[in-house]
N, C-alpha and C. Protein backbone atom coordinates (compact mmCIF):
# COMPACT_ATOMS: atom_id res chain seq x y z
N MET A 1 36.64 -72.36 -52.18
CA MET A 1 36.63 -71.49 -51.03
C MET A 1 35.33 -71.63 -50.26
N ALA A 2 34.25 -71.91 -50.96
CA ALA A 2 32.96 -72.06 -50.31
C ALA A 2 32.93 -73.28 -49.41
N ASN A 3 33.78 -74.25 -49.67
CA ASN A 3 33.81 -75.46 -48.84
C ASN A 3 34.34 -75.18 -47.44
N HIS A 4 35.14 -74.13 -47.28
CA HIS A 4 35.75 -73.84 -45.99
C HIS A 4 34.88 -72.97 -45.10
N LEU A 5 33.79 -72.43 -45.63
CA LEU A 5 32.92 -71.58 -44.83
C LEU A 5 32.05 -72.43 -43.92
N GLN A 6 31.93 -72.01 -42.70
CA GLN A 6 31.08 -72.71 -41.75
C GLN A 6 29.97 -71.76 -41.32
N THR A 7 28.84 -72.32 -41.07
CA THR A 7 27.74 -71.49 -40.58
C THR A 7 27.64 -71.67 -39.08
N SER A 8 27.35 -70.61 -38.42
CA SER A 8 27.16 -70.67 -36.97
C SER A 8 26.05 -69.72 -36.61
N PRO A 9 25.34 -69.99 -35.55
CA PRO A 9 24.26 -69.08 -35.14
C PRO A 9 24.84 -67.72 -34.76
N ILE A 10 24.05 -66.69 -35.00
CA ILE A 10 24.50 -65.34 -34.69
C ILE A 10 24.69 -65.17 -33.19
N LEU A 11 23.76 -65.64 -32.43
CA LEU A 11 23.85 -65.51 -30.98
C LEU A 11 23.48 -66.86 -30.38
N HIS A 12 24.42 -67.47 -29.73
CA HIS A 12 24.20 -68.79 -29.14
C HIS A 12 24.34 -68.66 -27.64
N SER A 13 23.70 -69.53 -26.93
CA SER A 13 23.73 -69.44 -25.48
C SER A 13 25.12 -69.65 -24.92
N ASP A 14 26.04 -70.31 -25.68
CA ASP A 14 27.41 -70.48 -25.19
C ASP A 14 28.17 -69.17 -25.16
N SER A 15 27.80 -68.24 -26.05
CA SER A 15 28.54 -66.98 -26.12
C SER A 15 28.02 -65.94 -25.14
N LEU A 16 26.96 -66.24 -24.44
CA LEU A 16 26.39 -65.29 -23.48
C LEU A 16 27.06 -65.42 -22.13
N PRO A 17 27.11 -64.36 -21.37
CA PRO A 17 27.58 -64.48 -19.99
C PRO A 17 26.68 -65.43 -19.22
N THR A 18 27.21 -65.99 -18.17
CA THR A 18 26.46 -67.00 -17.42
C THR A 18 25.15 -66.46 -16.88
N VAL A 19 25.06 -65.20 -16.61
CA VAL A 19 23.83 -64.62 -16.09
C VAL A 19 22.72 -64.69 -17.13
N LEU A 20 23.08 -64.58 -18.41
CA LEU A 20 22.08 -64.52 -19.45
C LEU A 20 21.79 -65.88 -20.09
N ARG A 21 22.51 -66.91 -19.73
CA ARG A 21 22.27 -68.23 -20.32
C ARG A 21 20.92 -68.76 -19.87
N PRO A 22 20.35 -69.64 -20.68
CA PRO A 22 19.06 -70.23 -20.28
C PRO A 22 19.20 -70.99 -18.97
N PHE A 23 18.13 -71.04 -18.23
CA PHE A 23 18.17 -71.66 -16.91
C PHE A 23 18.28 -73.18 -16.96
N SER A 24 18.01 -73.79 -18.09
CA SER A 24 18.15 -75.23 -18.17
C SER A 24 19.63 -75.57 -18.22
N GLY A 25 20.01 -76.75 -17.79
CA GLY A 25 21.39 -77.16 -17.76
C GLY A 25 21.92 -77.54 -19.12
N ASP A 26 21.07 -77.66 -20.13
CA ASP A 26 21.48 -78.10 -21.46
C ASP A 26 22.06 -76.92 -22.22
N LEU A 27 23.35 -77.00 -22.59
CA LEU A 27 23.99 -75.91 -23.33
C LEU A 27 23.78 -76.04 -24.83
N ASN A 28 23.20 -77.11 -25.30
CA ASN A 28 22.97 -77.31 -26.73
C ASN A 28 21.55 -76.91 -27.11
N THR A 29 21.06 -75.87 -26.54
CA THR A 29 19.71 -75.40 -26.85
C THR A 29 19.74 -74.59 -28.14
N THR A 30 18.61 -74.28 -28.63
CA THR A 30 18.51 -73.47 -29.85
C THR A 30 18.98 -72.05 -29.55
N PRO A 31 19.42 -71.35 -30.59
CA PRO A 31 19.90 -69.97 -30.36
C PRO A 31 18.82 -69.12 -29.72
N THR A 32 19.25 -68.25 -28.84
CA THR A 32 18.34 -67.38 -28.11
C THR A 32 18.51 -65.96 -28.62
N LYS A 33 17.42 -65.32 -28.87
CA LYS A 33 17.46 -63.93 -29.31
C LYS A 33 17.08 -63.05 -28.13
N ILE A 34 17.94 -62.09 -27.84
CA ILE A 34 17.70 -61.17 -26.73
C ILE A 34 17.68 -59.76 -27.30
N THR A 35 16.69 -59.00 -26.96
CA THR A 35 16.57 -57.63 -27.43
C THR A 35 16.81 -56.69 -26.27
N PHE A 36 17.70 -55.74 -26.47
CA PHE A 36 18.00 -54.75 -25.45
C PHE A 36 17.43 -53.41 -25.91
N SER A 37 16.99 -52.62 -24.98
CA SER A 37 16.48 -51.29 -25.27
C SER A 37 17.20 -50.30 -24.37
N PHE A 38 17.71 -49.24 -24.98
CA PHE A 38 18.42 -48.23 -24.22
C PHE A 38 17.70 -46.90 -24.37
N SER A 39 17.69 -46.14 -23.32
CA SER A 39 17.12 -44.81 -23.35
C SER A 39 18.15 -43.86 -22.75
N PHE A 40 18.41 -42.75 -23.44
CA PHE A 40 19.36 -41.79 -22.93
C PHE A 40 18.94 -40.39 -23.36
N THR A 41 19.43 -39.41 -22.62
CA THR A 41 19.20 -38.02 -22.96
C THR A 41 20.55 -37.34 -23.12
N ILE A 42 20.56 -36.32 -23.95
CA ILE A 42 21.79 -35.56 -24.17
C ILE A 42 21.75 -34.35 -23.25
N HIS A 43 22.81 -34.19 -22.50
CA HIS A 43 22.92 -33.06 -21.59
C HIS A 43 22.98 -31.77 -22.41
N ASP A 44 22.43 -30.68 -21.86
CA ASP A 44 22.39 -29.41 -22.57
C ASP A 44 23.77 -28.91 -22.98
N SER A 45 24.80 -29.24 -22.20
CA SER A 45 26.14 -28.78 -22.55
C SER A 45 26.65 -29.44 -23.81
N LEU A 46 26.05 -30.58 -24.21
CA LEU A 46 26.46 -31.26 -25.43
C LEU A 46 25.59 -30.89 -26.62
N ASN A 47 24.58 -30.11 -26.40
CA ASN A 47 23.68 -29.70 -27.48
C ASN A 47 24.34 -28.56 -28.26
N PHE A 48 24.93 -28.90 -29.39
CA PHE A 48 25.70 -27.92 -30.15
C PHE A 48 24.82 -26.86 -30.78
N ARG A 49 23.59 -27.18 -31.09
CA ARG A 49 22.70 -26.16 -31.66
C ARG A 49 22.40 -25.07 -30.65
N ALA A 50 22.27 -25.45 -29.39
CA ALA A 50 21.96 -24.45 -28.36
C ALA A 50 23.16 -23.57 -28.06
N ARG A 51 24.38 -24.07 -28.35
CA ARG A 51 25.58 -23.32 -28.01
C ARG A 51 26.05 -22.40 -29.12
N ARG A 52 25.32 -22.32 -30.23
CA ARG A 52 25.74 -21.43 -31.31
C ARG A 52 25.70 -20.00 -30.82
N ARG A 53 26.76 -19.29 -31.09
CA ARG A 53 26.80 -17.90 -30.64
C ARG A 53 25.95 -17.05 -31.58
N PRO A 54 25.35 -16.01 -31.06
CA PRO A 54 24.55 -15.15 -31.93
C PRO A 54 25.45 -14.46 -32.95
N GLN A 55 24.91 -14.29 -34.14
CA GLN A 55 25.69 -13.70 -35.21
C GLN A 55 25.69 -12.19 -35.07
N ARG A 56 26.87 -11.62 -35.17
CA ARG A 56 27.00 -10.18 -35.08
C ARG A 56 26.91 -9.56 -36.46
N LEU A 57 26.72 -8.27 -36.50
CA LEU A 57 26.52 -7.56 -37.76
C LEU A 57 27.72 -7.69 -38.69
N ASN A 58 28.92 -7.66 -38.15
CA ASN A 58 30.12 -7.67 -38.99
C ASN A 58 30.67 -9.06 -39.24
N ASP A 59 29.98 -10.11 -38.82
CA ASP A 59 30.49 -11.47 -38.99
C ASP A 59 30.65 -11.85 -40.45
N CYS A 60 29.61 -11.67 -41.22
CA CYS A 60 29.63 -12.20 -42.57
C CYS A 60 28.60 -11.45 -43.41
N ALA A 61 28.97 -11.14 -44.60
CA ALA A 61 28.02 -10.50 -45.50
C ALA A 61 27.06 -11.55 -46.06
N ALA A 62 25.86 -11.14 -46.37
CA ALA A 62 24.86 -12.10 -46.84
C ALA A 62 25.18 -12.61 -48.24
N ARG A 63 25.66 -11.76 -49.09
CA ARG A 63 25.98 -12.19 -50.45
C ARG A 63 27.46 -12.52 -50.55
N ARG A 64 27.74 -13.56 -51.28
CA ARG A 64 29.11 -14.00 -51.47
C ARG A 64 29.62 -13.47 -52.81
N ARG A 65 30.82 -12.97 -52.82
CA ARG A 65 31.42 -12.47 -54.05
C ARG A 65 32.42 -13.48 -54.56
N VAL A 66 32.08 -14.13 -55.65
CA VAL A 66 32.99 -15.05 -56.32
C VAL A 66 33.31 -14.44 -57.66
N ARG A 67 34.57 -14.25 -57.92
CA ARG A 67 34.97 -13.63 -59.18
C ARG A 67 35.60 -14.66 -60.09
N TYR A 68 35.17 -14.64 -61.34
CA TYR A 68 35.74 -15.50 -62.36
C TYR A 68 36.44 -14.63 -63.39
N ASP A 69 37.47 -15.18 -64.03
CA ASP A 69 38.25 -14.40 -64.99
C ASP A 69 37.44 -13.95 -66.19
N ASP A 70 36.50 -14.76 -66.64
CA ASP A 70 35.76 -14.44 -67.86
C ASP A 70 34.64 -13.43 -67.67
N GLU A 71 34.32 -13.03 -66.46
CA GLU A 71 33.23 -12.08 -66.25
C GLU A 71 33.70 -10.72 -65.76
N GLU A 72 34.98 -10.41 -65.89
CA GLU A 72 35.50 -9.14 -65.41
C GLU A 72 34.90 -7.95 -66.15
N ASP A 73 34.68 -8.07 -67.46
CA ASP A 73 34.12 -6.96 -68.23
C ASP A 73 32.74 -6.58 -67.73
N GLU A 74 31.91 -7.57 -67.46
CA GLU A 74 30.55 -7.32 -66.99
C GLU A 74 30.56 -6.72 -65.59
N ASP A 75 31.44 -7.20 -64.69
CA ASP A 75 31.50 -6.70 -63.33
C ASP A 75 31.96 -5.25 -63.27
N GLU A 76 32.88 -4.86 -64.14
CA GLU A 76 33.37 -3.49 -64.11
C GLU A 76 32.26 -2.51 -64.46
N GLU A 77 31.39 -2.88 -65.38
CA GLU A 77 30.29 -2.01 -65.76
C GLU A 77 29.20 -2.02 -64.69
N TYR A 78 28.87 -3.19 -64.16
CA TYR A 78 27.77 -3.33 -63.21
C TYR A 78 28.23 -2.96 -61.80
N GLY A 79 29.28 -3.59 -61.32
CA GLY A 79 29.83 -3.30 -60.00
C GLY A 79 29.04 -3.93 -58.87
N HIS A 80 29.57 -3.81 -57.68
CA HIS A 80 28.95 -4.36 -56.47
C HIS A 80 28.55 -3.21 -55.56
N ASN A 81 27.30 -3.16 -55.14
CA ASN A 81 26.80 -2.08 -54.31
C ASN A 81 27.02 -2.44 -52.84
N GLU A 82 27.98 -1.77 -52.21
CA GLU A 82 28.33 -2.04 -50.81
C GLU A 82 27.22 -1.61 -49.85
N GLN A 83 26.46 -0.59 -50.21
CA GLN A 83 25.39 -0.13 -49.33
C GLN A 83 24.30 -1.19 -49.19
N ILE A 84 23.94 -1.85 -50.29
CA ILE A 84 22.94 -2.93 -50.22
C ILE A 84 23.49 -4.08 -49.39
N ALA A 85 24.78 -4.39 -49.55
CA ALA A 85 25.39 -5.47 -48.76
C ALA A 85 25.32 -5.15 -47.27
N LEU A 86 25.53 -3.89 -46.89
CA LEU A 86 25.42 -3.50 -45.48
C LEU A 86 23.98 -3.62 -44.97
N LEU A 87 23.02 -3.25 -45.80
CA LEU A 87 21.61 -3.38 -45.41
C LEU A 87 21.20 -4.84 -45.29
N GLU A 88 21.74 -5.71 -46.15
CA GLU A 88 21.47 -7.15 -46.04
C GLU A 88 22.01 -7.69 -44.71
N SER A 89 23.20 -7.26 -44.33
CA SER A 89 23.78 -7.68 -43.05
C SER A 89 22.95 -7.16 -41.88
N TYR A 90 22.45 -5.93 -42.01
CA TYR A 90 21.61 -5.35 -40.96
C TYR A 90 20.35 -6.19 -40.74
N THR A 91 19.69 -6.60 -41.83
CA THR A 91 18.44 -7.35 -41.69
C THR A 91 18.65 -8.77 -41.18
N GLN A 92 19.87 -9.29 -41.28
CA GLN A 92 20.15 -10.59 -40.67
C GLN A 92 20.04 -10.48 -39.15
N ALA A 93 20.49 -9.36 -38.61
CA ALA A 93 20.48 -9.17 -37.16
C ALA A 93 19.15 -8.62 -36.65
N ALA A 94 18.42 -7.90 -37.48
CA ALA A 94 17.16 -7.27 -37.06
C ALA A 94 16.01 -8.25 -37.29
N ALA A 95 15.65 -8.96 -36.26
CA ALA A 95 14.58 -9.97 -36.38
C ALA A 95 13.23 -9.28 -36.57
N GLY A 96 12.44 -9.81 -37.49
CA GLY A 96 11.09 -9.30 -37.70
C GLY A 96 11.03 -7.94 -38.35
N GLU A 97 12.09 -7.56 -39.03
CA GLU A 97 12.12 -6.26 -39.68
C GLU A 97 12.59 -6.42 -41.12
N ALA A 98 11.99 -5.67 -42.00
CA ALA A 98 12.39 -5.64 -43.41
C ALA A 98 12.62 -4.19 -43.81
N LEU A 99 13.29 -4.02 -44.93
CA LEU A 99 13.57 -2.67 -45.42
C LEU A 99 13.08 -2.55 -46.86
N ILE A 100 12.49 -1.41 -47.17
CA ILE A 100 12.20 -1.06 -48.56
C ILE A 100 13.14 0.09 -48.89
N VAL A 101 14.01 -0.16 -49.85
CA VAL A 101 15.03 0.81 -50.24
C VAL A 101 14.58 1.48 -51.53
N HIS A 102 14.57 2.80 -51.53
CA HIS A 102 14.25 3.59 -52.71
C HIS A 102 15.57 4.14 -53.25
N ALA A 103 15.91 3.77 -54.48
CA ALA A 103 17.19 4.17 -55.06
C ALA A 103 16.98 4.75 -56.45
N ALA A 104 17.94 5.57 -56.87
CA ALA A 104 17.93 6.13 -58.22
C ALA A 104 18.96 5.38 -59.05
N LEU A 105 18.52 4.90 -60.22
CA LEU A 105 19.39 4.16 -61.13
C LEU A 105 19.16 4.67 -62.54
N ASP A 106 20.13 5.37 -63.07
CA ASP A 106 20.06 5.91 -64.44
C ASP A 106 18.79 6.75 -64.65
N GLY A 107 18.45 7.58 -63.67
CA GLY A 107 17.30 8.46 -63.78
C GLY A 107 15.96 7.84 -63.41
N ASP A 108 15.92 6.56 -63.14
CA ASP A 108 14.68 5.88 -62.75
C ASP A 108 14.69 5.60 -61.25
N LEU A 109 13.49 5.60 -60.65
CA LEU A 109 13.35 5.24 -59.25
C LEU A 109 13.15 3.73 -59.15
N VAL A 110 13.95 3.09 -58.32
CA VAL A 110 13.94 1.64 -58.16
C VAL A 110 13.65 1.32 -56.70
N GLU A 111 12.80 0.31 -56.46
CA GLU A 111 12.52 -0.14 -55.09
C GLU A 111 13.10 -1.53 -54.89
N VAL A 112 13.74 -1.72 -53.73
CA VAL A 112 14.35 -3.01 -53.38
C VAL A 112 13.85 -3.41 -52.01
N LEU A 113 13.44 -4.66 -51.87
CA LEU A 113 13.04 -5.21 -50.58
C LEU A 113 14.23 -5.98 -50.01
N VAL A 114 14.60 -5.68 -48.77
CA VAL A 114 15.70 -6.37 -48.09
C VAL A 114 15.12 -7.00 -46.84
N PHE A 115 15.30 -8.34 -46.71
CA PHE A 115 14.72 -9.07 -45.58
C PHE A 115 15.57 -10.29 -45.27
N LYS A 116 15.95 -10.45 -44.02
CA LYS A 116 16.73 -11.60 -43.53
C LYS A 116 17.98 -11.87 -44.35
N GLY A 117 18.69 -10.83 -44.71
CA GLY A 117 19.96 -10.99 -45.40
C GLY A 117 19.88 -11.13 -46.90
N PHE A 118 18.69 -11.05 -47.45
CA PHE A 118 18.53 -11.17 -48.90
C PHE A 118 17.82 -9.94 -49.44
N SER A 119 18.09 -9.62 -50.69
CA SER A 119 17.43 -8.47 -51.30
C SER A 119 16.80 -8.89 -52.62
N SER A 120 15.69 -8.25 -52.93
CA SER A 120 14.97 -8.54 -54.16
C SER A 120 14.45 -7.22 -54.72
N CYS A 121 14.63 -7.04 -56.00
CA CYS A 121 14.19 -5.81 -56.63
C CYS A 121 12.69 -5.90 -56.91
N LEU A 122 11.96 -4.87 -56.53
CA LEU A 122 10.52 -4.82 -56.76
C LEU A 122 10.19 -4.13 -58.08
N SER A 123 11.18 -3.48 -58.70
CA SER A 123 10.95 -2.71 -59.91
C SER A 123 11.29 -3.46 -61.19
N PHE A 124 12.23 -4.39 -61.12
CA PHE A 124 12.60 -5.19 -62.28
C PHE A 124 13.08 -6.55 -61.79
N ALA A 125 13.40 -7.44 -62.71
CA ALA A 125 13.79 -8.81 -62.36
C ALA A 125 15.10 -8.83 -61.58
N THR A 126 15.15 -9.67 -60.56
CA THR A 126 16.35 -9.85 -59.75
C THR A 126 17.17 -10.99 -60.34
N SER A 127 18.48 -10.80 -60.38
CA SER A 127 19.37 -11.84 -60.90
C SER A 127 19.30 -13.07 -60.01
N SER A 128 19.35 -14.24 -60.62
CA SER A 128 19.33 -15.48 -59.84
C SER A 128 20.69 -15.81 -59.26
N ASP A 129 21.73 -15.07 -59.64
CA ASP A 129 23.08 -15.29 -59.14
C ASP A 129 23.23 -14.56 -57.80
N PRO A 130 23.39 -15.29 -56.68
CA PRO A 130 23.47 -14.62 -55.38
C PRO A 130 24.75 -13.80 -55.18
N SER A 131 25.76 -14.00 -56.02
CA SER A 131 26.98 -13.21 -55.88
C SER A 131 26.86 -11.85 -56.55
N ARG A 132 25.83 -11.67 -57.35
CA ARG A 132 25.62 -10.40 -58.05
C ARG A 132 24.71 -9.50 -57.22
N SER A 133 25.15 -8.29 -57.02
CA SER A 133 24.38 -7.33 -56.24
C SER A 133 23.06 -7.03 -56.94
N VAL A 134 22.01 -6.83 -56.15
CA VAL A 134 20.69 -6.56 -56.73
C VAL A 134 20.67 -5.19 -57.41
N LEU A 135 21.50 -4.27 -56.94
CA LEU A 135 21.65 -2.95 -57.56
C LEU A 135 23.11 -2.77 -57.98
N PRO A 136 23.36 -2.14 -59.11
CA PRO A 136 24.75 -1.88 -59.49
C PRO A 136 25.37 -0.81 -58.60
N ALA A 137 26.67 -0.70 -58.67
CA ALA A 137 27.39 0.25 -57.82
C ALA A 137 27.01 1.69 -58.13
N ARG A 138 26.59 1.98 -59.35
CA ARG A 138 26.25 3.36 -59.73
C ARG A 138 24.90 3.82 -59.17
N ALA A 139 24.11 2.93 -58.60
CA ALA A 139 22.82 3.31 -58.01
C ALA A 139 23.06 4.08 -56.70
N THR A 140 22.21 5.07 -56.46
CA THR A 140 22.32 5.84 -55.22
C THR A 140 21.03 5.68 -54.42
N ILE A 141 21.19 5.42 -53.14
CA ILE A 141 20.03 5.23 -52.26
C ILE A 141 19.45 6.60 -51.90
N GLN A 142 18.16 6.77 -52.17
CA GLN A 142 17.46 8.02 -51.87
C GLN A 142 16.88 8.00 -50.45
N SER A 143 16.18 6.89 -50.12
CA SER A 143 15.59 6.77 -48.78
C SER A 143 15.36 5.30 -48.45
N ILE A 144 15.14 5.05 -47.16
CA ILE A 144 14.93 3.69 -46.66
C ILE A 144 13.70 3.71 -45.76
N ASP A 145 12.81 2.73 -45.95
CA ASP A 145 11.65 2.56 -45.08
C ASP A 145 11.84 1.29 -44.26
N ARG A 146 11.72 1.40 -42.94
CA ARG A 146 11.76 0.23 -42.07
C ARG A 146 10.33 -0.25 -41.88
N ILE A 147 10.09 -1.54 -42.15
CA ILE A 147 8.74 -2.10 -42.01
C ILE A 147 8.80 -3.36 -41.17
N LYS A 148 7.63 -3.72 -40.62
CA LYS A 148 7.53 -4.97 -39.87
C LYS A 148 7.51 -6.13 -40.85
N GLY A 149 8.31 -7.14 -40.56
CA GLY A 149 8.35 -8.32 -41.41
C GLY A 149 7.45 -9.40 -40.86
N PRO A 150 7.11 -10.34 -41.63
CA PRO A 150 7.45 -10.50 -43.04
C PRO A 150 6.66 -9.54 -43.92
N PHE A 151 7.17 -9.33 -45.11
CA PHE A 151 6.61 -8.35 -46.04
C PHE A 151 5.28 -8.84 -46.60
N ASP A 152 4.25 -8.04 -46.41
CA ASP A 152 2.93 -8.31 -46.99
C ASP A 152 2.54 -7.06 -47.78
N PRO A 153 2.60 -7.12 -49.11
CA PRO A 153 2.34 -5.91 -49.89
C PRO A 153 0.93 -5.34 -49.73
N SER A 154 -0.02 -6.16 -49.30
CA SER A 154 -1.38 -5.66 -49.12
C SER A 154 -1.57 -4.95 -47.78
N ASN A 155 -0.65 -5.18 -46.84
CA ASN A 155 -0.77 -4.57 -45.52
C ASN A 155 0.63 -4.25 -44.99
N ILE A 156 1.20 -3.14 -45.43
CA ILE A 156 2.55 -2.75 -45.01
C ILE A 156 2.46 -1.95 -43.71
N GLU A 157 3.14 -2.43 -42.68
CA GLU A 157 3.20 -1.73 -41.39
C GLU A 157 4.56 -1.05 -41.27
N TYR A 158 4.57 0.26 -41.37
CA TYR A 158 5.82 1.02 -41.33
C TYR A 158 6.26 1.24 -39.90
N ILE A 159 7.54 1.02 -39.66
CA ILE A 159 8.15 1.38 -38.38
C ILE A 159 8.68 2.80 -38.48
N GLN A 160 9.34 3.09 -39.60
CA GLN A 160 9.92 4.40 -39.85
C GLN A 160 10.00 4.60 -41.36
N ARG A 161 9.69 5.80 -41.83
CA ARG A 161 9.69 6.07 -43.28
C ARG A 161 10.66 7.18 -43.64
N GLY A 162 11.18 7.09 -44.88
CA GLY A 162 11.98 8.18 -45.44
C GLY A 162 13.32 8.43 -44.77
N ILE A 163 13.98 7.41 -44.29
CA ILE A 163 15.28 7.57 -43.65
C ILE A 163 16.34 7.73 -44.75
N THR A 164 17.20 8.71 -44.60
CA THR A 164 18.29 8.87 -45.57
C THR A 164 19.42 7.90 -45.21
N TRP A 165 20.29 7.66 -46.20
CA TRP A 165 21.41 6.74 -45.96
C TRP A 165 22.30 7.27 -44.83
N GLU A 166 22.54 8.55 -44.81
CA GLU A 166 23.42 9.15 -43.81
C GLU A 166 22.83 9.06 -42.40
N SER A 167 21.51 9.10 -42.27
CA SER A 167 20.89 9.08 -40.93
C SER A 167 20.45 7.69 -40.49
N PHE A 168 20.66 6.67 -41.33
CA PHE A 168 20.27 5.31 -40.95
C PHE A 168 21.19 4.82 -39.84
N ASN A 169 20.58 4.30 -38.76
CA ASN A 169 21.36 3.86 -37.59
C ASN A 169 21.67 2.37 -37.68
N PHE A 170 22.95 2.06 -37.87
CA PHE A 170 23.41 0.68 -37.83
C PHE A 170 23.85 0.37 -36.41
N PRO A 171 23.48 -0.80 -35.87
CA PRO A 171 23.95 -1.14 -34.52
C PRO A 171 25.46 -1.35 -34.52
N THR A 172 26.07 -0.97 -33.42
CA THR A 172 27.54 -1.13 -33.32
C THR A 172 27.90 -2.32 -32.51
């Protein structure tokens, strides 16, 4: 099969349009290499990143709930805290704002930081599983502090302190 292969130049002056052929009358010249350079811009209407619609509060929850058959026993005891999920969605829309949530869990006071759609417990270790709520369903929110983000524990700038769950204003 190798005997039937022929080698030919990649670009030969015979394959070029007459405008691009060498000016000499000899068509058996050595192969000519021509480099083209193109410059173009993409119109703003084609820029898909610029056309992304702003995300609304009710579009999507920050945490994903994936349920597996073998973990039903653990989920029933722990549960999913819908209030934390709502606060995570709120912080996705509230640019430059974070929340410190004070909650009661089994008689203990627990603090949770919620920022840009994610929550982290400041009182104990946070689960690395993003589908698991940072607080169990049995936890009750005592108060919420709105602070300027990003969170700096050495210099907390409060926007509003001690908001109850019932008086917290969610945008509509």
